[in-house]
Amino acid sequence: MTAIQGPKSIAELVKLAAKLGKRAYFVSGVDTSADRIPAGKTVVDLGGIAPLHETEVGKDKIVIGTGLNLGRLAREASGENGLLRQAASLLANPLVRNRITIIQALDPDSPYFDLATPLVLLDAKVRVQSPTGKRTAPIRDFLEATTKGLKKGEIPTHIEFHPLLSDLRVGFFKVARVNGKGSVSAAARMKLTKNVCKTPEIVVSGLSLIPVRTSLAEKELEGHTATEDGLKRAGALAATEVLELAASKDAYERSLIEIAVGRTLRSIMEGSIQR
């Protein structure tokens, strides 16, 4: 029988996280008896911790509790021009969206870790609670720490970011390896004036690298009319830059990056035509 823990406060959650470590499996108020829980895991139901389920929408800042599941994120995210809603919808199918929490998605071992890609594009910050105090870290610093291993009992409790300007177009796409182990994702935002790209920002995750900005791809697009050839060149430049940072020459990974960036940029162009 699966062990289930239901902390009622963030303080209780931190103590439990310190005790369980990697054995903790965070869900949010679902019927755990009907779900497939990984072997050796202890279910931690976040449903009773109200602050982790709150979303604050302000003029200058959006704050989202990490207890939200991807289903709610896909329905309720605000201020991001649809970026997080699109990512949450693509990352988790309807059968699991109401189970996978943001906390779980921020785990580098999670198949939903590509949620980090749009968060980097949003220049998000992460509020972290530990047994000894609180801190707020830029998303990339937090991701670097998670890949090395968070300190005992540290839990991300909220993510925050500035709302995007309404004229910024956004896109996200993920490509999984054929064998199902590892994925590549891309997120982008830009202004489009008569199909001319303005101030593009592109973030890419590699199989062996946390999400990074791709300045070469951005320069390829800046000030130019969006064309199929231009999008392909941007994808190729992004792949070159990311693989250099990862010290990799994997041809398969290169193709995945090119596909992810290309599909992301095309989704922006297609969306701008439909509006």
C-alpha atoms as a PDB file:
ATOM      1  CA  MET A   1       0.000   0.000   0.000  1.00  0.00           C
ATOM      2  CA  THR A   2       1.313   3.447  -0.934  1.00  0.00           C
ATOM      3  CA  ALA A   3       2.280   5.626   2.039  1.00  0.00           C
ATOM      4  CA  ILE A   4       0.562   9.021   1.968  1.00  0.00           C
ATOM      5  CA  GLN A   5       1.534  12.138   3.913  1.00  0.00           C
ATOM      6  CA  GLY A   6      -0.650  15.266   4.085  1.00  0.00           C
ATOM      7  CA  PRO A   7       1.171  18.245   5.625  1.00  0.00           C
ATOM      8  CA  LYS A   8      -1.020  21.233   6.531  1.00  0.00           C
ATOM      9  CA  SER A   9       1.588  23.993   6.399  1.00  0.00           C
ATOM     10  CA  ILE A  10       4.784  24.907   4.584  1.00  0.00           C
ATOM     11  CA  ALA A  11       6.714  24.368   7.833  1.00  0.00           C
ATOM     12  CA  GLU A  12       5.398  20.802   8.060  1.00  0.00           C
ATOM     13  CA  LEU A  13       6.182  20.251   4.384  1.00  0.00           C
ATOM     14  CA  VAL A  14       9.792  21.366   4.810  1.00  0.00           C
ATOM     15  CA  LYS A  15      10.310  18.976   7.718  1.00  0.00           C
ATOM     16  CA  LEU A  16       8.786  16.153   5.706  1.00  0.00           C
ATOM     17  CA  ALA A  17      10.915  16.980   2.656  1.00  0.00           C
ATOM     18  CA  ALA A  18      14.036  16.912   4.813  1.00  0.00           C
ATOM     19  CA  LYS A  19      13.065  13.480   6.115  1.00  0.00           C
ATOM     20  CA  LEU A  20      12.052  11.913   2.788  1.00  0.00           C
ATOM     21  CA  GLY A  21      14.542  13.501   0.403  1.00  0.00           C
ATOM     22  CA  LYS A  22      14.271  11.975  -3.081  1.00  0.00           C
ATOM     23  CA  ARG A  23      11.601   9.543  -1.901  1.00  0.00           C
ATOM     24  CA  ALA A  24       8.985  12.346  -1.796  1.00  0.00           C
ATOM     25  CA  TYR A  25       6.422  12.346  -4.622  1.00  0.00           C
ATOM     26  CA  PHE A  26       4.415  15.579  -4.575  1.00  0.00           C
ATOM     27  CA  VAL A  27       0.784  15.523  -5.682  1.00  0.00           C
ATOM     28  CA  SER A  28      -2.056  17.950  -5.137  1.00  0.00           C
ATOM     29  CA  GLY A  29      -5.373  16.778  -3.755  1.00  0.00           C
ATOM     30  CA  VAL A  30      -6.009  13.852  -6.105  1.00  0.00           C
ATOM     31  CA  ASP A  31      -7.152  10.275  -5.605  1.00  0.00           C
ATOM     32  CA  THR A  32      -3.752   8.694  -5.072  1.00  0.00           C
ATOM     33  CA  SER A  33      -5.292   5.217  -4.913  1.00  0.00           C
ATOM     34  CA  ALA A  34      -6.187   5.551  -8.605  1.00  0.00           C
ATOM     35  CA  ASP A  35      -2.774   6.799  -9.706  1.00  0.00           C
ATOM     36  CA  ARG A  36       0.391   4.928 -10.543  1.00  0.00           C
ATOM     37  CA  ILE A  37       2.951   6.046  -7.989  1.00  0.00           C
ATOM     38  CA  PRO A  38       6.615   5.206  -8.723  1.00  0.00           C
ATOM     39  CA  ALA A  39       7.984   2.367  -6.642  1.00  0.00           C
ATOM     40  CA  GLY A  40       9.811   3.405  -3.509  1.00  0.00           C
ATOM     41  CA  LYS A  41       8.120   6.817  -3.341  1.00  0.00           C
ATOM     42  CA  THR A  42       6.088   8.338  -0.525  1.00  0.00           C
ATOM     43  CA  VAL A  43       3.142  10.423  -1.695  1.00  0.00           C
ATOM     44  CA  VAL A  44       3.084  13.939  -0.253  1.00  0.00           C
ATOM     45  CA  ASP A  45      -0.334  15.492  -0.849  1.00  0.00           C
ATOM     46  CA  LEU A  46      -0.005  19.282  -1.023  1.00  0.00           C
ATOM     47  CA  GLY A  47      -3.774  19.819  -1.136  1.00  0.00           C
ATOM     48  CA  GLY A  48      -3.966  21.006   2.471  1.00  0.00           C
ATOM     49  CA  ILE A  49      -1.382  23.785   2.149  1.00  0.00           C
ATOM     50  CA  ALA A  50      -3.375  26.802   0.932  1.00  0.00           C
ATOM     51  CA  PRO A  51      -0.451  29.193   0.200  1.00  0.00           C
ATOM     52  CA  LEU A  52       0.961  26.731  -2.345  1.00  0.00           C
ATOM     53  CA  HIS A  53      -2.247  26.933  -4.398  1.00  0.00           C
ATOM     54  CA  GLU A  54      -2.586  30.695  -4.561  1.00  0.00           C
ATOM     55  CA  THR A  55      -2.038  32.858  -7.623  1.00  0.00           C
ATOM     56  CA  GLU A  56      -1.446  36.592  -7.147  1.00  0.00           C
ATOM     57  CA  VAL A  57      -1.876  38.796 -10.198  1.00  0.00           C
ATOM     58  CA  GLY A  58      -0.459  42.293  -9.760  1.00  0.00           C
ATOM     59  CA  LYS A  59       0.351  45.090 -12.152  1.00  0.00           C
ATOM     60  CA  ASP A  60       4.081  44.507 -11.800  1.00  0.00           C
ATOM     61  CA  LYS A  61       4.360  40.893 -10.618  1.00  0.00           C
ATOM     62  CA  ILE A  62       2.682  37.504 -10.980  1.00  0.00           C
ATOM     63  CA  VAL A  63       3.148  34.980  -8.158  1.00  0.00           C
ATOM     64  CA  ILE A  64       2.153  31.319  -8.560  1.00  0.00           C
ATOM     65  CA  GLY A  65       2.251  28.704  -5.812  1.00  0.00           C
ATOM     66  CA  THR A  66       4.171  25.570  -6.716  1.00  0.00           C
ATOM     67  CA  GLY A  67       1.410  23.333  -5.368  1.00  0.00           C
ATOM     68  CA  LEU A  68      -0.632  24.078  -8.492  1.00  0.00           C
ATOM     69  CA  ASN A  69      -0.894  21.126 -10.806  1.00  0.00           C
ATOM     70  CA  LEU A  70      -0.219  21.487 -14.522  1.00  0.00           C
ATOM     71  CA  GLY A  71      -3.930  21.267 -15.279  1.00  0.00           C
ATOM     72  CA  ARG A  72      -4.661  24.373 -13.216  1.00  0.00           C
ATOM     73  CA  LEU A  73      -1.599  26.103 -14.625  1.00  0.00           C
ATOM     74  CA  ALA A  74      -2.892  25.449 -18.152  1.00  0.00           C
ATOM     75  CA  ARG A  75      -6.229  27.005 -17.207  1.00  0.00           C
ATOM     76  CA  GLU A  76      -5.300  29.773 -14.803  1.00  0.00           C
ATOM     77  CA  ALA A  77      -1.846  31.189 -15.619  1.00  0.00           C
ATOM     78  CA  SER A  78      -1.973  34.926 -16.225  1.00  0.00           C
ATOM     79  CA  GLY A  79       0.316  37.691 -17.431  1.00  0.00           C
ATOM     80  CA  GLU A  80       2.451  35.376 -19.581  1.00  0.00           C
ATOM     81  CA  ASN A  81       0.543  35.816 -22.869  1.00  0.00           C
ATOM     82  CA  GLY A  82      -0.314  32.134 -22.914  1.00  0.00           C
ATOM     83  CA  LEU A  83       3.273  30.829 -22.633  1.00  0.00           C
ATOM     84  CA  LEU A  84       2.906  28.784 -19.428  1.00  0.00           C
ATOM     85  CA  ARG A  85      -0.597  27.673 -20.410  1.00  0.00           C
ATOM     86  CA  GLN A  86       0.753  26.376 -23.717  1.00  0.00           C
ATOM     87  CA  ALA A  87       3.718  24.661 -22.051  1.00  0.00           C
ATOM     88  CA  ALA A  88       1.610  22.988 -19.353  1.00  0.00           C
ATOM     89  CA  SER A  89      -0.817  21.699 -21.982  1.00  0.00           C
ATOM     90  CA  LEU A  90       1.953  20.229 -24.123  1.00  0.00           C
ATOM     91  CA  LEU A  91       3.983  18.724 -21.283  1.00  0.00           C
ATOM     92  CA  ALA A  92       1.260  16.723 -19.587  1.00  0.00           C
ATOM     93  CA  ASN A  93      -1.596  14.864 -21.228  1.00  0.00           C
ATOM     94  CA  PRO A  94      -5.112  15.113 -19.744  1.00  0.00           C
ATOM     95  CA  LEU A  95      -4.670  11.861 -17.812  1.00  0.00           C
ATOM     96  CA  VAL A  96      -1.884  13.262 -15.600  1.00  0.00           C
ATOM     97  CA  ARG A  97      -2.279  17.064 -15.662  1.00  0.00           C
ATOM     98  CA  ASN A  98      -4.290  17.080 -12.444  1.00  0.00           C
ATOM     99  CA  ARG A  99      -1.625  15.076 -10.622  1.00  0.00           C
ATOM    100  CA  ILE A 100       1.712  16.659 -11.591  1.00  0.00           C
ATOM    101  CA  THR A 101       2.541  19.732  -9.510  1.00  0.00           C
ATOM    102  CA  ILE A 102       4.926  22.544 -10.352  1.00  0.00           C
ATOM    103  CA  ILE A 103       7.162  21.304  -7.522  1.00  0.00           C
ATOM    104  CA  GLN A 104       7.404  17.912  -9.193  1.00  0.00           C
ATOM    105  CA  ALA A 105       8.028  19.512 -12.613  1.00  0.00           C
ATOM    106  CA  LEU A 106      10.962  21.500 -11.215  1.00  0.00           C
ATOM    107  CA  ASP A 107      12.765  18.280 -10.304  1.00  0.00           C
ATOM    108  CA  PRO A 108      15.539  17.640 -12.893  1.00  0.00           C
ATOM    109  CA  ASP A 109      14.604  13.939 -12.894  1.00  0.00           C
ATOM    110  CA  SER A 110      10.987  14.695 -13.802  1.00  0.00           C
ATOM    111  CA  PRO A 111       9.749  14.068 -17.371  1.00  0.00           C
ATOM    112  CA  TYR A 112       7.995  17.450 -17.016  1.00  0.00           C
ATOM    113  CA  PHE A 113      11.195  19.395 -16.269  1.00  0.00           C
ATOM    114  CA  ASP A 114      10.834  21.242 -19.595  1.00  0.00           C
ATOM    115  CA  LEU A 115       8.509  23.613 -17.729  1.00  0.00           C
ATOM    116  CA  ALA A 116      11.787  25.272 -16.727  1.00  0.00           C
ATOM    117  CA  THR A 117      12.336  26.478 -20.320  1.00  0.00           C
ATOM    118  CA  PRO A 118       9.459  28.996 -20.414  1.00  0.00           C
ATOM    119  CA  LEU A 119      10.261  30.024 -16.827  1.00  0.00           C
ATOM    120  CA  VAL A 120      13.768  30.999 -17.922  1.00  0.00           C
ATOM    121  CA  LEU A 121      12.285  32.970 -20.828  1.00  0.00           C
ATOM    122  CA  LEU A 122      10.068  34.821 -18.322  1.00  0.00           C
ATOM    123  CA  ASP A 123      13.128  35.661 -16.169  1.00  0.00           C
ATOM    124  CA  ALA A 124      11.250  34.070 -13.296  1.00  0.00           C
ATOM    125  CA  LYS A 125      12.442  33.922  -9.724  1.00  0.00           C
ATOM    126  CA  VAL A 126      11.870  31.054  -7.300  1.00  0.00           C
ATOM    127  CA  ARG A 127      11.032  31.436  -3.630  1.00  0.00           C
ATOM    128  CA  VAL A 128      12.667  28.648  -1.644  1.00  0.00           C
ATOM    129  CA  GLN A 129      11.834  27.598   1.914  1.00  0.00           C
ATOM    130  CA  SER A 130      14.256  25.548   3.997  1.00  0.00           C
ATOM    131  CA  PRO A 131      14.398  24.432   7.641  1.00  0.00           C
ATOM    132  CA  THR A 132      16.601  27.431   8.374  1.00  0.00           C
ATOM    133  CA  GLY A 133      14.923  30.224   6.411  1.00  0.00           C
ATOM    134  CA  LYS A 134      13.745  31.623   3.096  1.00  0.00           C
ATOM    135  CA  ARG A 135      15.468  32.874  -0.031  1.00  0.00           C
ATOM    136  CA  THR A 136      14.524  34.028  -3.512  1.00  0.00           C
ATOM    137  CA  ALA A 137      16.723  32.975  -6.426  1.00  0.00           C
ATOM    138  CA  PRO A 138      16.745  33.724 -10.162  1.00  0.00           C
ATOM    139  CA  ILE A 139      15.386  30.703 -12.007  1.00  0.00           C
ATOM    140  CA  ARG A 140      18.723  29.768 -13.594  1.00  0.00           C
ATOM    141  CA  ASP A 141      20.492  29.874 -10.215  1.00  0.00           C
ATOM    142  CA  PHE A 142      17.753  27.665  -8.784  1.00  0.00           C
ATOM    143  CA  LEU A 143      18.027  25.206 -11.671  1.00  0.00           C
ATOM    144  CA  GLU A 144      21.805  25.046 -11.294  1.00  0.00           C
ATOM    145  CA  ALA A 145      21.288  24.228  -7.614  1.00  0.00           C
ATOM    146  CA  THR A 146      18.691  21.538  -8.361  1.00  0.00           C
ATOM    147  CA  THR A 147      20.991  19.740 -10.800  1.00  0.00           C
ATOM    148  CA  LYS A 148      23.627  19.575  -8.056  1.00  0.00           C
ATOM    149  CA  GLY A 149      21.059  18.754  -5.387  1.00  0.00           C
ATOM    150  CA  LEU A 150      19.127  21.155  -3.172  1.00  0.00           C
ATOM    151  CA  LYS A 151      20.040  21.376   0.476  1.00  0.00           C
ATOM    152  CA  LYS A 152      18.217  19.078   2.865  1.00  0.00           C
ATOM    153  CA  GLY A 153      14.591  20.110   3.210  1.00  0.00           C
ATOM    154  CA  GLU A 154      14.667  22.928   0.645  1.00  0.00           C
ATOM    155  CA  ILE A 155      11.368  23.319  -1.212  1.00  0.00           C
ATOM    156  CA  PRO A 156      10.408  25.769  -3.987  1.00  0.00           C
ATOM    157  CA  THR A 157       7.166  27.359  -2.734  1.00  0.00           C
ATOM    158  CA  HIS A 158       6.382  30.020  -5.359  1.00  0.00           C
ATOM    159  CA  ILE A 159       7.503  31.270  -8.741  1.00  0.00           C
ATOM    160  CA  GLU A 160       7.242  34.935  -9.653  1.00  0.00           C
ATOM    161  CA  PHE A 161       7.770  36.988 -12.806  1.00  0.00           C
ATOM    162  CA  HIS A 162       6.905  40.332 -14.348  1.00  0.00           C
ATOM    163  CA  PRO A 163       3.877  40.308 -16.691  1.00  0.00           C
ATOM    164  CA  LEU A 164       4.746  40.358 -20.376  1.00  0.00           C
ATOM    165  CA  LEU A 165       3.786  43.311 -22.526  1.00  0.00           C
ATOM    166  CA  SER A 166       0.596  42.553 -24.424  1.00  0.00           C
ATOM    167  CA  ASP A 167       2.230  42.947 -27.852  1.00  0.00           C
ATOM    168  CA  LEU A 168       4.810  40.218 -27.228  1.00  0.00           C
ATOM    169  CA  ARG A 169       4.120  36.972 -29.132  1.00  0.00           C
ATOM    170  CA  VAL A 170       5.175  33.750 -27.439  1.00  0.00           C
ATOM    171  CA  GLY A 171       5.719  30.120 -28.361  1.00  0.00           C
ATOM    172  CA  PHE A 172       6.841  26.827 -26.824  1.00  0.00           C
ATOM    173  CA  PHE A 173       7.574  23.366 -28.179  1.00  0.00           C
ATOM    174  CA  LYS A 174       9.093  20.145 -26.836  1.00  0.00           C
ATOM    175  CA  VAL A 175      10.681  17.226 -28.682  1.00  0.00           C
ATOM    176  CA  ALA A 176      11.312  13.901 -26.947  1.00  0.00           C
ATOM    177  CA  ARG A 177      13.963  11.381 -27.887  1.00  0.00           C
ATOM    178  CA  VAL A 178      12.727   8.329 -29.760  1.00  0.00           C
ATOM    179  CA  ASN A 179      13.710   6.080 -26.842  1.00  0.00           C
ATOM    180  CA  GLY A 180      11.798   8.327 -24.438  1.00  0.00           C
ATOM    181  CA  LYS A 181      14.846   9.232 -22.347  1.00  0.00           C
ATOM    182  CA  GLY A 182      15.427  12.967 -22.321  1.00  0.00           C
ATOM    183  CA  SER A 183      13.928  15.813 -24.311  1.00  0.00           C
ATOM    184  CA  VAL A 184      14.701  19.174 -25.875  1.00  0.00           C
ATOM    185  CA  SER A 185      12.452  22.210 -25.618  1.00  0.00           C
ATOM    186  CA  ALA A 186      12.421  25.799 -26.812  1.00  0.00           C
ATOM    187  CA  ALA A 187      10.512  28.905 -25.778  1.00  0.00           C
ATOM    188  CA  ALA A 188      10.528  32.249 -27.587  1.00  0.00           C
ATOM    189  CA  ARG A 189       9.025  35.696 -27.423  1.00  0.00           C
ATOM    190  CA  MET A 190       9.191  38.658 -29.792  1.00  0.00           C
ATOM    191  CA  LYS A 191       7.307  41.539 -31.316  1.00  0.00           C
ATOM    192  CA  LEU A 192       6.113  41.237 -34.898  1.00  0.00           C
ATOM    193  CA  THR A 193       5.622  44.343 -37.003  1.00  0.00           C
ATOM    194  CA  LYS A 194       4.347  43.500 -40.488  1.00  0.00           C
ATOM    195  CA  ASN A 195       5.998  40.101 -40.044  1.00  0.00           C
ATOM    196  CA  VAL A 196       9.345  41.698 -39.099  1.00  0.00           C
ATOM    197  CA  CYS A 197      10.920  40.206 -35.960  1.00  0.00           C
ATOM    198  CA  LYS A 198      11.695  42.712 -33.202  1.00  0.00           C
ATOM    199  CA  THR A 199      13.581  42.046 -29.942  1.00  0.00           C
ATOM    200  CA  PRO A 200      13.431  38.237 -30.197  1.00  0.00           C
ATOM    201  CA  GLU A 201      14.428  36.165 -27.183  1.00  0.00           C
ATOM    202  CA  ILE A 202      14.894  32.421 -27.543  1.00  0.00           C
ATOM    203  CA  VAL A 203      15.608  29.932 -24.754  1.00  0.00           C
ATOM    204  CA  VAL A 204      16.567  26.314 -25.440  1.00  0.00           C
ATOM    205  CA  SER A 205      17.108  23.318 -23.192  1.00  0.00           C
ATOM    206  CA  GLY A 206      19.447  20.574 -24.315  1.00  0.00           C
ATOM    207  CA  LEU A 207      19.622  16.941 -23.264  1.00  0.00           C
ATOM    208  CA  SER A 208      22.677  17.787 -21.178  1.00  0.00           C
ATOM    209  CA  LEU A 209      22.135  21.486 -20.438  1.00  0.00           C
ATOM    210  CA  ILE A 210      19.612  23.519 -18.451  1.00  0.00           C
ATOM    211  CA  PRO A 211      17.771  26.219 -20.457  1.00  0.00           C
ATOM    212  CA  VAL A 212      19.940  28.971 -21.962  1.00  0.00           C
ATOM    213  CA  ARG A 213      19.441  32.037 -24.173  1.00  0.00           C
ATOM    214  CA  THR A 214      20.637  31.633 -27.758  1.00  0.00           C
ATOM    215  CA  SER A 215      22.033  34.992 -28.823  1.00  0.00           C
ATOM    216  CA  LEU A 216      23.160  33.821 -32.289  1.00  0.00           C
ATOM    217  CA  ALA A 217      19.654  32.709 -33.225  1.00  0.00           C
ATOM    218  CA  GLU A 218      18.220  35.953 -31.872  1.00  0.00           C
ATOM    219  CA  LYS A 219      20.612  38.044 -33.962  1.00  0.00           C
ATOM    220  CA  GLU A 220      19.644  36.048 -37.049  1.00  0.00           C
ATOM    221  CA  LEU A 221      16.012  37.077 -36.608  1.00  0.00           C
ATOM    222  CA  GLU A 222      16.356  40.633 -35.303  1.00  0.00           C
ATOM    223  CA  GLY A 223      15.035  43.188 -37.787  1.00  0.00           C
ATOM    224  CA  HIS A 224      14.362  40.626 -40.511  1.00  0.00           C
ATOM    225  CA  THR A 225      11.128  39.506 -42.110  1.00  0.00           C
ATOM    226  CA  ALA A 226      10.166  36.047 -40.911  1.00  0.00           C
ATOM    227  CA  THR A 227      10.767  33.495 -43.675  1.00  0.00           C
ATOM    228  CA  GLU A 228      11.073  29.721 -43.709  1.00  0.00           C
ATOM    229  CA  ASP A 229      14.777  29.966 -44.575  1.00  0.00           C
ATOM    230  CA  GLY A 230      15.345  32.464 -41.779  1.00  0.00           C
ATOM    231  CA  LEU A 231      13.649  30.223 -39.231  1.00  0.00           C
ATOM    232  CA  LYS A 232      15.753  27.257 -40.352  1.00  0.00           C
ATOM    233  CA  ARG A 233      18.957  29.306 -40.015  1.00  0.00           C
ATOM    234  CA  ALA A 234      17.902  30.416 -36.539  1.00  0.00           C
ATOM    235  CA  GLY A 235      17.310  26.791 -35.551  1.00  0.00           C
ATOM    236  CA  ALA A 236      20.714  25.736 -36.887  1.00  0.00           C
ATOM    237  CA  LEU A 237      22.486  28.587 -35.067  1.00  0.00           C
ATOM    238  CA  ALA A 238      20.663  27.761 -31.832  1.00  0.00           C
ATOM    239  CA  ALA A 239      21.784  24.129 -32.119  1.00  0.00           C
ATOM    240  CA  THR A 240      25.402  25.144 -32.719  1.00  0.00           C
ATOM    241  CA  GLU A 241      25.441  27.506 -29.755  1.00  0.00           C
ATOM    242  CA  VAL A 242      23.738  25.117 -27.329  1.00  0.00           C
ATOM    243  CA  LEU A 243      25.935  22.168 -28.280  1.00  0.00           C
ATOM    244  CA  GLU A 244      29.068  24.284 -27.873  1.00  0.00           C
ATOM    245  CA  LEU A 245      27.951  25.220 -24.355  1.00  0.00           C
ATOM    246  CA  ALA A 246      27.247  21.568 -23.606  1.00  0.00           C
ATOM    247  CA  ALA A 247      30.556  20.484 -25.157  1.00  0.00           C
ATOM    248  CA  SER A 248      28.606  18.071 -27.339  1.00  0.00           C
ATOM    249  CA  LYS A 249      28.698  17.129 -31.030  1.00  0.00           C
ATOM    250  CA  ASP A 250      25.689  14.825 -30.924  1.00  0.00           C
ATOM    251  CA  ALA A 251      24.067  14.993 -34.369  1.00  0.00           C
ATOM    252  CA  TYR A 252      20.787  13.607 -33.059  1.00  0.00           C
ATOM    253  CA  GLU A 253      20.580  16.252 -30.344  1.00  0.00           C
ATOM    254  CA  ARG A 254      21.327  18.888 -32.997  1.00  0.00           C
ATOM    255  CA  SER A 255      18.345  17.737 -35.024  1.00  0.00           C
ATOM    256  CA  LEU A 256      16.095  17.834 -31.952  1.00  0.00           C
ATOM    257  CA  ILE A 257      17.154  21.405 -31.147  1.00  0.00           C
ATOM    258  CA  GLU A 258      16.582  22.522 -34.728  1.00  0.00           C
ATOM    259  CA  ILE A 259      13.116  20.963 -34.699  1.00  0.00           C
ATOM    260  CA  ALA A 260      12.180  22.460 -31.305  1.00  0.00           C
ATOM    261  CA  VAL A 261      13.331  25.972 -32.216  1.00  0.00           C
ATOM    262  CA  GLY A 262      11.788  25.816 -35.684  1.00  0.00           C
ATOM    263  CA  ARG A 263       8.405  24.620 -34.415  1.00  0.00           C
ATOM    264  CA  THR A 264       8.416  27.233 -31.652  1.00  0.00           C
ATOM    265  CA  LEU A 265       9.119  30.084 -34.051  1.00  0.00           C
ATOM    266  CA  ARG A 266       6.595  28.844 -36.598  1.00  0.00           C
ATOM    267  CA  SER A 267       3.916  28.689 -33.900  1.00  0.00           C
ATOM    268  CA  ILE A 268       4.531  32.371 -33.196  1.00  0.00           C
ATOM    269  CA  MET A 269       4.247  33.288 -36.882  1.00  0.00           C
ATOM    270  CA  GLU A 270       1.106  31.193 -37.350  1.00  0.00           C
ATOM    271  CA  GLY A 271      -0.451  32.635 -34.215  1.00  0.00           C
ATOM    272  CA  SER A 272       0.197  36.182 -35.335  1.00  0.00           C
ATOM    273  CA  ILE A 273      -1.591  35.500 -38.629  1.00  0.00           C
ATOM    274  CA  GLN A 274      -4.593  33.971 -36.881  1.00  0.00           C
ATOM    275  CA  ARG A 275      -5.135  36.887 -34.511  1.00  0.00           C
END
